C-alpha atoms as a PDB file:
ATOM      1  CA  UNK A   1      58.566   2.226 109.472  1.00  0.00           C
ATOM      2  CA  UNK A   2      57.174   5.415 107.927  1.00  0.00           C
ATOM      3  CA  UNK A   3      59.490   7.506 110.107  1.00  0.00           C
ATOM      4  CA  UNK A   4      62.527   5.481 109.051  1.00  0.00           C
ATOM      5  CA  UNK A   5      61.517   5.765 105.392  1.00  0.00           C
ATOM      6  CA  UNK A   6      61.029   9.525 105.699  1.00  0.00           C
ATOM      7  CA  UNK A   7      64.448   9.943 107.284  1.00  0.00           C
ATOM      8  CA  UNK A   8      66.031   7.867 104.517  1.00  0.00           C
ATOM      9  CA  UNK A   9      64.393  10.038 101.847  1.00  0.00           C
ATOM     10  CA  UNK A  10      65.598  13.216 103.547  1.00  0.00           C
ATOM     11  CA  UNK A  11      69.138  11.851 103.759  1.00  0.00           C
ATOM     12  CA  UNK A  12      69.107  10.859 100.084  1.00  0.00           C
ATOM     13  CA  UNK A  13      67.867  14.298  99.059  1.00  0.00           C
ATOM     14  CA  UNK A  14      70.522  15.980 101.198  1.00  0.00           C
ATOM     15  CA  UNK A  15      73.241  13.808  99.681  1.00  0.00           C
ATOM     16  CA  UNK A  16      72.019  14.564  96.152  1.00  0.00           C
ATOM     17  CA  UNK A  17      71.936  18.301  96.906  1.00  0.00           C
ATOM     18  CA  UNK A  18      75.489  18.130  98.204  1.00  0.00           C
ATOM     19  CA  UNK A  19      76.663  16.315  95.064  1.00  0.00           C
ATOM     20  CA  UNK A  20      74.999  18.919  92.830  1.00  0.00           C
ATOM     21  CA  UNK A  21      76.850  21.616  94.777  1.00  0.00           C
ATOM     22  CA  UNK A  22      80.074  19.753  93.958  1.00  0.00           C
ATOM     23  CA  UNK A  23      79.303  19.870  90.230  1.00  0.00           C
ATOM     24  CA  UNK A  24      77.758  16.376  90.025  1.00  0.00           C
ATOM     25  CA  UNK A  25      74.599  15.877  87.978  1.00  0.00           C
ATOM     26  CA  UNK A  26      72.104  13.017  87.601  1.00  0.00           C
ATOM     27  CA  UNK A  27      73.056  10.673  84.761  1.00  0.00           C
ATOM     28  CA  UNK A  28      70.546  11.106  81.935  1.00  0.00           C
ATOM     29  CA  UNK A  29      69.891   8.071  79.759  1.00  0.00           C
ATOM     30  CA  UNK A  30      68.130   7.592  76.450  1.00  0.00           C
ATOM     31  CA  UNK A  31      65.844   4.667  77.206  1.00  0.00           C
ATOM     32  CA  UNK A  32      64.307   2.190  74.763  1.00  0.00           C
ATOM     33  CA  UNK A  33      60.574   1.585  74.688  1.00  0.00           C
ATOM     34  CA  UNK A  34      59.091  -0.805  77.284  1.00  0.00           C
ATOM     35  CA  UNK A  35      58.860  -4.351  75.928  1.00  0.00           C
ATOM     36  CA  UNK A  36      56.841  -6.319  78.488  1.00  0.00           C
ATOM     37  CA  UNK A  37      54.004  -8.187  76.785  1.00  0.00           C
ATOM     38  CA  UNK A  38      51.128  -9.185  79.059  1.00  0.00           C
ATOM     39  CA  UNK A  39      51.375  -9.531  82.826  1.00  0.00           C
ATOM     40  CA  UNK A  40      54.873 -10.311  84.182  1.00  0.00           C
ATOM     41  CA  UNK A  41      54.970 -13.680  85.902  1.00  0.00           C
ATOM     42  CA  UNK A  42      55.799 -13.915  89.583  1.00  0.00           C
ATOM     43  CA  UNK A  43      59.558 -14.191  90.076  1.00  0.00           C
ATOM     44  CA  UNK A  44      60.958 -15.726  93.238  1.00  0.00           C
ATOM     45  CA  UNK A  45      64.565 -15.265  94.306  1.00  0.00           C
ATOM     46  CA  UNK A  46      66.346 -15.479  97.645  1.00  0.00           C
ATOM     47  CA  UNK A  47      68.215 -12.223  96.990  1.00  0.00           C
ATOM     48  CA  UNK A  48      65.724 -10.100  95.029  1.00  0.00           C
ATOM     49  CA  UNK A  49      65.517  -6.377  95.738  1.00  0.00           C
ATOM     50  CA  UNK A  50      62.133  -5.078  96.973  1.00  0.00           C
ATOM     51  CA  UNK A  51      59.578  -4.204  94.305  1.00  0.00           C
ATOM     52  CA  UNK A  52      59.886  -0.588  93.176  1.00  0.00           C
ATOM     53  CA  UNK A  53      56.153  -0.322  92.413  1.00  0.00           C
ATOM     54  CA  UNK A  54      56.727   2.014  89.494  1.00  0.00           C
ATOM     55  CA  UNK A  55      59.147   4.295  91.319  1.00  0.00           C
ATOM     56  CA  UNK A  56      62.391   5.110  89.463  1.00  0.00           C
ATOM     57  CA  UNK A  57      65.741   4.254  90.958  1.00  0.00           C
ATOM     58  CA  UNK A  58      67.656   7.034  92.702  1.00  0.00           C
ATOM     59  CA  UNK A  59      69.793   8.735  90.032  1.00  0.00           C
ATOM     60  CA  UNK A  60      73.460   7.938  89.596  1.00  0.00           C
ATOM     61  CA  UNK A  61      75.396  11.174  90.028  1.00  0.00           C
ATOM     62  CA  UNK A  62      78.184  11.917  87.534  1.00  0.00           C
ATOM     63  CA  UNK A  63      80.347  14.957  86.742  1.00  0.00           C
ATOM     64  CA  UNK A  64      79.381  17.226  83.881  1.00  0.00           C
ATOM     65  CA  UNK A  65      80.849  16.196  80.550  1.00  0.00           C
ATOM     66  CA  UNK A  66      80.920  12.410  80.922  1.00  0.00           C
ATOM     67  CA  UNK A  67      80.066  10.390  77.831  1.00  0.00           C
ATOM     68  CA  UNK A  68      79.517   6.790  76.854  1.00  0.00           C
ATOM     69  CA  UNK A  69      83.117   5.741  76.217  1.00  0.00           C
ATOM     70  CA  UNK A  70      82.101   2.148  75.403  1.00  0.00           C
ATOM     71  CA  UNK A  71      80.155   2.869  72.214  1.00  0.00           C
ATOM     72  CA  UNK A  72      81.432   0.746  69.288  1.00  0.00           C
ATOM     73  CA  UNK A  73      84.377  -0.504  71.349  1.00  0.00           C
ATOM     74  CA  UNK A  74      85.765  -4.017  70.875  1.00  0.00           C
ATOM     75  CA  UNK A  75      83.946  -6.826  72.677  1.00  0.00           C
ATOM     76  CA  UNK A  76      85.359 -10.202  73.651  1.00  0.00           C
ATOM     77  CA  UNK A  77      83.643 -12.964  75.601  1.00  0.00           C
ATOM     78  CA  UNK A  78      84.068 -16.270  77.388  1.00  0.00           C
ATOM     79  CA  UNK A  79      81.788 -17.629  74.636  1.00  0.00           C
ATOM     80  CA  UNK A  80      83.572 -17.041  71.319  1.00  0.00           C
ATOM     81  CA  UNK A  81      80.628 -18.368  69.299  1.00  0.00           C
ATOM     82  CA  UNK A  82      77.367 -16.831  70.523  1.00  0.00           C
ATOM     83  CA  UNK A  83      74.200 -18.830  69.931  1.00  0.00           C
ATOM     84  CA  UNK A  84      72.305 -15.774  68.686  1.00  0.00           C
ATOM     85  CA  UNK A  85      73.684 -12.461  67.433  1.00  0.00           C
ATOM     86  CA  UNK A  86      77.169 -10.987  67.390  1.00  0.00           C
ATOM     87  CA  UNK A  87      79.240  -9.586  70.255  1.00  0.00           C
ATOM     88  CA  UNK A  88      79.301  -6.183  68.538  1.00  0.00           C
ATOM     89  CA  UNK A  89      75.650  -5.773  69.531  1.00  0.00           C
ATOM     90  CA  UNK A  90      76.749  -5.140  73.131  1.00  0.00           C
ATOM     91  CA  UNK A  91      78.084  -1.662  72.308  1.00  0.00           C
ATOM     92  CA  UNK A  92      76.300  -0.730  69.065  1.00  0.00           C
ATOM     93  CA  UNK A  93      73.935   1.790  70.677  1.00  0.00           C
ATOM     94  CA  UNK A  94      70.767  -0.283  70.099  1.00  0.00           C
ATOM     95  CA  UNK A  95      69.033  -0.820  73.445  1.00  0.00           C
ATOM     96  CA  UNK A  96      65.727  -2.117  72.111  1.00  0.00           C
ATOM     97  CA  UNK A  97      64.651  -5.537  73.292  1.00  0.00           C
ATOM     98  CA  UNK A  98      63.493  -6.813  69.904  1.00  0.00           C
ATOM     99  CA  UNK A  99      64.962  -9.723  67.982  1.00  0.00           C
ATOM    100  CA  UNK A 100      68.244  -8.734  66.379  1.00  0.00           C
ATOM    101  CA  UNK A 101      69.166  -6.376  69.223  1.00  0.00           C
ATOM    102  CA  UNK A 102      70.740  -8.866  71.632  1.00  0.00           C
ATOM    103  CA  UNK A 103      73.464 -11.484  71.805  1.00  0.00           C
ATOM    104  CA  UNK A 104      72.835 -14.853  73.452  1.00  0.00           C
ATOM    105  CA  UNK A 105      75.740 -16.643  75.102  1.00  0.00           C
ATOM    106  CA  UNK A 106      75.821 -20.282  76.171  1.00  0.00           C
ATOM    107  CA  UNK A 107      74.687 -21.703  79.528  1.00  0.00           C
ATOM    108  CA  UNK A 108      76.520 -21.364  82.819  1.00  0.00           C
ATOM    109  CA  UNK A 109      78.827 -18.583  83.957  1.00  0.00           C
ATOM    110  CA  UNK A 110      79.756 -16.379  80.992  1.00  0.00           C
ATOM    111  CA  UNK A 111      81.142 -12.886  80.533  1.00  0.00           C
ATOM    112  CA  UNK A 112      81.437 -10.110  78.001  1.00  0.00           C
ATOM    113  CA  UNK A 113      84.436  -7.787  78.129  1.00  0.00           C
ATOM    114  CA  UNK A 114      84.847  -4.261  76.790  1.00  0.00           C
ATOM    115  CA  UNK A 115      88.209  -2.771  75.806  1.00  0.00           C
ATOM    116  CA  UNK A 116      87.976   1.021  76.202  1.00  0.00           C
ATOM    117  CA  UNK A 117      91.281   1.331  74.255  1.00  0.00           C
ATOM    118  CA  UNK A 118      92.846   3.553  76.902  1.00  0.00           C
ATOM    119  CA  UNK A 119      92.555   4.177  80.628  1.00  0.00           C
ATOM    120  CA  UNK A 120      89.342   5.998  81.408  1.00  0.00           C
ATOM    121  CA  UNK A 121      87.974   7.515  84.585  1.00  0.00           C
ATOM    122  CA  UNK A 122      84.646   5.710  84.975  1.00  0.00           C
ATOM    123  CA  UNK A 123      81.649   7.082  86.853  1.00  0.00           C
ATOM    124  CA  UNK A 124      78.792   4.813  85.791  1.00  0.00           C
ATOM    125  CA  UNK A 125      78.024   1.569  83.966  1.00  0.00           C
ATOM    126  CA  UNK A 126      74.557   0.748  82.650  1.00  0.00           C
ATOM    127  CA  UNK A 127      73.528  -2.807  81.712  1.00  0.00           C
ATOM    128  CA  UNK A 128      70.623  -3.952  79.571  1.00  0.00           C
ATOM    129  CA  UNK A 129      70.180  -7.706  79.587  1.00  0.00           C
ATOM    130  CA  UNK A 130      67.220  -9.206  77.722  1.00  0.00           C
ATOM    131  CA  UNK A 131      64.236  -7.080  78.794  1.00  0.00           C
ATOM    132  CA  UNK A 132      61.339  -8.159  76.571  1.00  0.00           C
ATOM    133  CA  UNK A 133      59.964 -10.129  79.523  1.00  0.00           C
ATOM    134  CA  UNK A 134      60.477  -9.936  83.274  1.00  0.00           C
ATOM    135  CA  UNK A 135      63.384 -12.071  84.440  1.00  0.00           C
ATOM    136  CA  UNK A 136      66.292 -11.985  86.872  1.00  0.00           C
ATOM    137  CA  UNK A 137      69.843 -12.739  85.773  1.00  0.00           C
ATOM    138  CA  UNK A 138      71.910 -14.617  88.315  1.00  0.00           C
ATOM    139  CA  UNK A 139      75.446 -13.940  89.596  1.00  0.00           C
ATOM    140  CA  UNK A 140      75.766 -10.539  87.935  1.00  0.00           C
ATOM    141  CA  UNK A 141      79.320  -9.424  88.670  1.00  0.00           C
ATOM    142  CA  UNK A 142      80.977  -6.358  87.120  1.00  0.00           C
ATOM    143  CA  UNK A 143      84.727  -5.856  87.345  1.00  0.00           C
ATOM    144  CA  UNK A 144      87.333  -3.346  86.152  1.00  0.00           C
ATOM    145  CA  UNK A 145      90.989  -4.062  85.376  1.00  0.00           C
ATOM    146  CA  UNK A 146      94.089  -2.554  83.786  1.00  0.00           C
ATOM    147  CA  UNK A 147      94.802  -5.583  81.577  1.00  0.00           C
ATOM    148  CA  UNK A 148      92.737  -7.801  79.303  1.00  0.00           C
ATOM    149  CA  UNK A 149      93.493 -10.938  81.332  1.00  0.00           C
ATOM    150  CA  UNK A 150      92.106  -9.360  84.506  1.00  0.00           C
ATOM    151  CA  UNK A 151      95.213  -9.856  86.598  1.00  0.00           C
ATOM    152  CA  UNK A 152      96.301  -6.276  87.304  1.00  0.00           C
ATOM    153  CA  UNK A 153      94.330  -3.955  89.574  1.00  0.00           C
ATOM    154  CA  UNK A 154      91.070  -5.922  89.419  1.00  0.00           C
ATOM    155  CA  UNK A 155      88.180  -4.224  91.211  1.00  0.00           C
ATOM    156  CA  UNK A 156      84.616  -5.458  91.626  1.00  0.00           C
ATOM    157  CA  UNK A 157      82.043  -2.668  91.351  1.00  0.00           C
ATOM    158  CA  UNK A 158      78.897  -4.832  91.501  1.00  0.00           C
ATOM    159  CA  UNK A 159      78.230  -8.344  92.789  1.00  0.00           C
ATOM    160  CA  UNK A 160      74.794  -9.837  93.505  1.00  0.00           C
ATOM    161  CA  UNK A 161      76.019 -13.432  93.838  1.00  0.00           C
ATOM    162  CA  UNK A 162      74.568 -14.240  97.259  1.00  0.00           C
ATOM    163  CA  UNK A 163      76.061 -17.746  97.585  1.00  0.00           C
ATOM    164  CA  UNK A 164      79.474 -17.383  95.893  1.00  0.00           C
ATOM    165  CA  UNK A 165      78.486 -19.737  93.082  1.00  0.00           C
ATOM    166  CA  UNK A 166      80.453 -17.567  90.637  1.00  0.00           C
ATOM    167  CA  UNK A 167      83.592 -17.764  92.763  1.00  0.00           C
ATOM    168  CA  UNK A 168      84.185 -14.040  93.376  1.00  0.00           C
ATOM    169  CA  UNK A 169      82.993 -13.992  96.977  1.00  0.00           C
ATOM    170  CA  UNK A 170      79.545 -13.351  98.407  1.00  0.00           C
ATOM    171  CA  UNK A 171      78.162 -10.153  96.941  1.00  0.00           C
ATOM    172  CA  UNK A 172      76.315  -7.469  98.889  1.00  0.00           C
ATOM    173  CA  UNK A 173      74.192  -6.236  95.970  1.00  0.00           C
ATOM    174  CA  UNK A 174      70.665  -7.400  95.219  1.00  0.00           C
ATOM    175  CA  UNK A 175      69.306  -9.249  92.219  1.00  0.00           C
ATOM    176  CA  UNK A 176      66.868  -7.209  90.149  1.00  0.00           C
ATOM    177  CA  UNK A 177      64.154  -7.663  87.531  1.00  0.00           C
ATOM    178  CA  UNK A 178      65.168  -6.645  84.024  1.00  0.00           C
ATOM    179  CA  UNK A 179      63.283  -3.714  82.484  1.00  0.00           C
ATOM    180  CA  UNK A 180      63.725  -1.285  79.614  1.00  0.00           C
ATOM    181  CA  UNK A 181      65.350   1.139  82.085  1.00  0.00           C
ATOM    182  CA  UNK A 182      68.462  -1.041  82.417  1.00  0.00           C
ATOM    183  CA  UNK A 183      70.532  -1.199  85.588  1.00  0.00           C
ATOM    184  CA  UNK A 184      72.761   1.831  86.285  1.00  0.00           C
ATOM    185  CA  UNK A 185      75.765   1.223  88.532  1.00  0.00           C
ATOM    186  CA  UNK A 186      77.725   3.989  90.260  1.00  0.00           C
ATOM    187  CA  UNK A 187      81.489   3.568  89.870  1.00  0.00           C
ATOM    188  CA  UNK A 188      82.781   6.774  91.533  1.00  0.00           C
ATOM    189  CA  UNK A 189      85.605   7.737  89.201  1.00  0.00           C
ATOM    190  CA  UNK A 190      87.682   4.542  89.202  1.00  0.00           C
ATOM    191  CA  UNK A 191      90.261   4.295  86.407  1.00  0.00           C
ATOM    192  CA  UNK A 192      90.441   1.290  84.093  1.00  0.00           C
ATOM    193  CA  UNK A 193      90.752   0.231  80.468  1.00  0.00           C
ATOM    194  CA  UNK A 194      88.792  -3.015  80.637  1.00  0.00           C
ATOM    195  CA  UNK A 195      85.276  -3.765  81.872  1.00  0.00           C
ATOM    196  CA  UNK A 196      84.071  -7.347  82.357  1.00  0.00           C
ATOM    197  CA  UNK A 197      80.458  -8.330  83.080  1.00  0.00           C
ATOM    198  CA  UNK A 198      79.474 -11.816  84.276  1.00  0.00           C
ATOM    199  CA  UNK A 199      76.134 -13.586  84.515  1.00  0.00           C
ATOM    200  CA  UNK A 200      75.049 -17.168  85.098  1.00  0.00           C
ATOM    201  CA  UNK A 201      71.745 -17.718  83.363  1.00  0.00           C
ATOM    202  CA  UNK A 202      68.434 -16.298  84.501  1.00  0.00           C
ATOM    203  CA  UNK A 203      65.128 -17.267  86.040  1.00  0.00           C
ATOM    204  CA  UNK A 204      63.919 -17.940  82.474  1.00  0.00           C
ATOM    205  CA  UNK A 205      66.729 -20.104  81.087  1.00  0.00           C
ATOM    206  CA  UNK A 206      70.365 -21.171  81.475  1.00  0.00           C
ATOM    207  CA  UNK A 207      71.433 -18.827  78.677  1.00  0.00           C
ATOM    208  CA  UNK A 208      72.993 -15.387  79.073  1.00  0.00           C
ATOM    209  CA  UNK A 209      71.887 -12.317  77.133  1.00  0.00           C
ATOM    210  CA  UNK A 210      73.144  -8.782  76.560  1.00  0.00           C
ATOM    211  CA  UNK A 211      71.310  -6.050  74.702  1.00  0.00           C
ATOM    212  CA  UNK A 212      73.642  -3.150  75.516  1.00  0.00           C
ATOM    213  CA  UNK A 213      76.302  -1.967  77.954  1.00  0.00           C
ATOM    214  CA  UNK A 214      77.176   1.709  78.374  1.00  0.00           C
ATOM    215  CA  UNK A 215      80.207   2.983  80.281  1.00  0.00           C
ATOM    216  CA  UNK A 216      80.154   6.651  81.256  1.00  0.00           C
ATOM    217  CA  UNK A 217      83.486   8.276  81.874  1.00  0.00           C
ATOM    218  CA  UNK A 218      86.182  10.659  80.743  1.00  0.00           C
END
């Protein structure tokens, strides 16, 4: 096992070195302060990624000059009347987990959608759900499209729905525990104007929460 792990680390380092040589750099994020209070409860899930044990995720590599093209952009949602907060909170730049920093949508499968106003070349998306306590959001699916109705050129860039309960097919990605570090997703330069993010409740409740979504592109 140690040999396999060592080989994997070497391959990751080699890949990162190659990307740097191509002008790609690790995505640097401004992170909010950690919000966990007390000891996180044990979370059980059939599709949960292995514990990171304090180790950071491998960096998402992006070209020099990318910026958060989602900041202050228009947000729409499957829930037009959020239970807590306003949809504008999703792209207002506030990533803290405190009250007043997040929007709460109703139970069941819900989405938020970002209009980037023009076609952008996207290299990374970073999601902060509610992170004041450890929890796992279910059926997290992230899609890109050319139109607001998600009919034209729809592409799925993340899907951790392991049983197709959301109806987009069985995803190959893992569920993850929410933290202040958010969840960066590599997108690899796909072009789109609209970004849609689904969830279907969490291990804590049936509600859906978003603190912030950043979209890095050109």
